[in-house]
Amino acid sequence: MKTKIELEKNILDIIMKIHIEFPELSKYISEMPDNNLSITTNI
């Protein structure tokens, strides 16, 4: 089982991949529910 930190890193990796590979979908990222990630980003 993955730790919370590992899961959060995976989520951020996926979000960054969306920004890079599918910029037209980036606008939908802001619609994702806030799950209080302990890692913050400036996307």
C-alpha atoms as a PDB file:
ATOM      1  CA  MET A   1       0.000   0.000   0.000  1.00  0.00           C
ATOM      2  CA  LYS A   2       1.263   3.463  -0.896  1.00  0.00           C
ATOM      3  CA  THR A   3       1.769   6.149   1.693  1.00  0.00           C
ATOM      4  CA  LYS A   4      -0.161   9.391   1.614  1.00  0.00           C
ATOM      5  CA  ILE A   5       2.936  11.229   0.389  1.00  0.00           C
ATOM      6  CA  GLU A   6       3.394   8.753  -2.462  1.00  0.00           C
ATOM      7  CA  LEU A   7      -0.235   9.085  -3.485  1.00  0.00           C
ATOM      8  CA  GLU A   8      -0.045  12.871  -3.400  1.00  0.00           C
ATOM      9  CA  LYS A   9       3.091  12.814  -5.527  1.00  0.00           C
ATOM     10  CA  ASN A  10       1.341  10.558  -8.040  1.00  0.00           C
ATOM     11  CA  ILE A  11      -1.605  12.949  -8.197  1.00  0.00           C
ATOM     12  CA  LEU A  12       0.696  15.888  -8.814  1.00  0.00           C
ATOM     13  CA  ASP A  13       2.581  13.976 -11.495  1.00  0.00           C
ATOM     14  CA  ILE A  14      -0.692  13.260 -13.275  1.00  0.00           C
ATOM     15  CA  ILE A  15      -1.790  16.895 -13.017  1.00  0.00           C
ATOM     16  CA  MET A  16       1.524  18.089 -14.451  1.00  0.00           C
ATOM     17  CA  LYS A  17       1.285  15.547 -17.263  1.00  0.00           C
ATOM     18  CA  ILE A  18      -2.173  16.881 -18.121  1.00  0.00           C
ATOM     19  CA  HIS A  19      -0.802  20.450 -18.195  1.00  0.00           C
ATOM     20  CA  ILE A  20       2.032  19.450 -20.505  1.00  0.00           C
ATOM     21  CA  GLU A  21       0.404  16.903 -22.791  1.00  0.00           C
ATOM     22  CA  PHE A  22      -3.224  18.052 -22.790  1.00  0.00           C
ATOM     23  CA  PRO A  23      -3.269  21.807 -22.107  1.00  0.00           C
ATOM     24  CA  GLU A  24      -6.834  22.075 -23.379  1.00  0.00           C
ATOM     25  CA  LEU A  25      -7.924  19.947 -20.400  1.00  0.00           C
ATOM     26  CA  SER A  26      -6.072  22.051 -17.824  1.00  0.00           C
ATOM     27  CA  LYS A  27      -9.114  24.242 -17.318  1.00  0.00           C
ATOM     28  CA  TYR A  28     -10.936  21.279 -15.763  1.00  0.00           C
ATOM     29  CA  ILE A  29      -8.297  20.714 -13.093  1.00  0.00           C
ATOM     30  CA  SER A  30      -9.648  23.655 -11.122  1.00  0.00           C
ATOM     31  CA  GLU A  31     -12.996  21.835 -10.989  1.00  0.00           C
ATOM     32  CA  MET A  32     -11.496  18.871  -9.165  1.00  0.00           C
ATOM     33  CA  PRO A  33     -12.589  18.611  -5.550  1.00  0.00           C
ATOM     34  CA  ASP A  34     -10.133  19.886  -2.989  1.00  0.00           C
ATOM     35  CA  ASN A  35      -8.849  16.988  -0.934  1.00  0.00           C
ATOM     36  CA  ASN A  36      -6.464  19.021   1.223  1.00  0.00           C
ATOM     37  CA  LEU A  37      -3.215  17.755  -0.216  1.00  0.00           C
ATOM     38  CA  SER A  38      -0.310  18.466   2.069  1.00  0.00           C
ATOM     39  CA  ILE A  39       1.865  19.177  -0.984  1.00  0.00           C
ATOM     40  CA  THR A  40       1.139  22.537  -2.574  1.00  0.00           C
ATOM     41  CA  THR A  41       1.830  23.689  -6.105  1.00  0.00           C
ATOM     42  CA  ASN A  42       1.681  26.862  -8.116  1.00  0.00           C
ATOM     43  CA  ILE A  43       0.097  25.525 -11.266  1.00  0.00           C
END
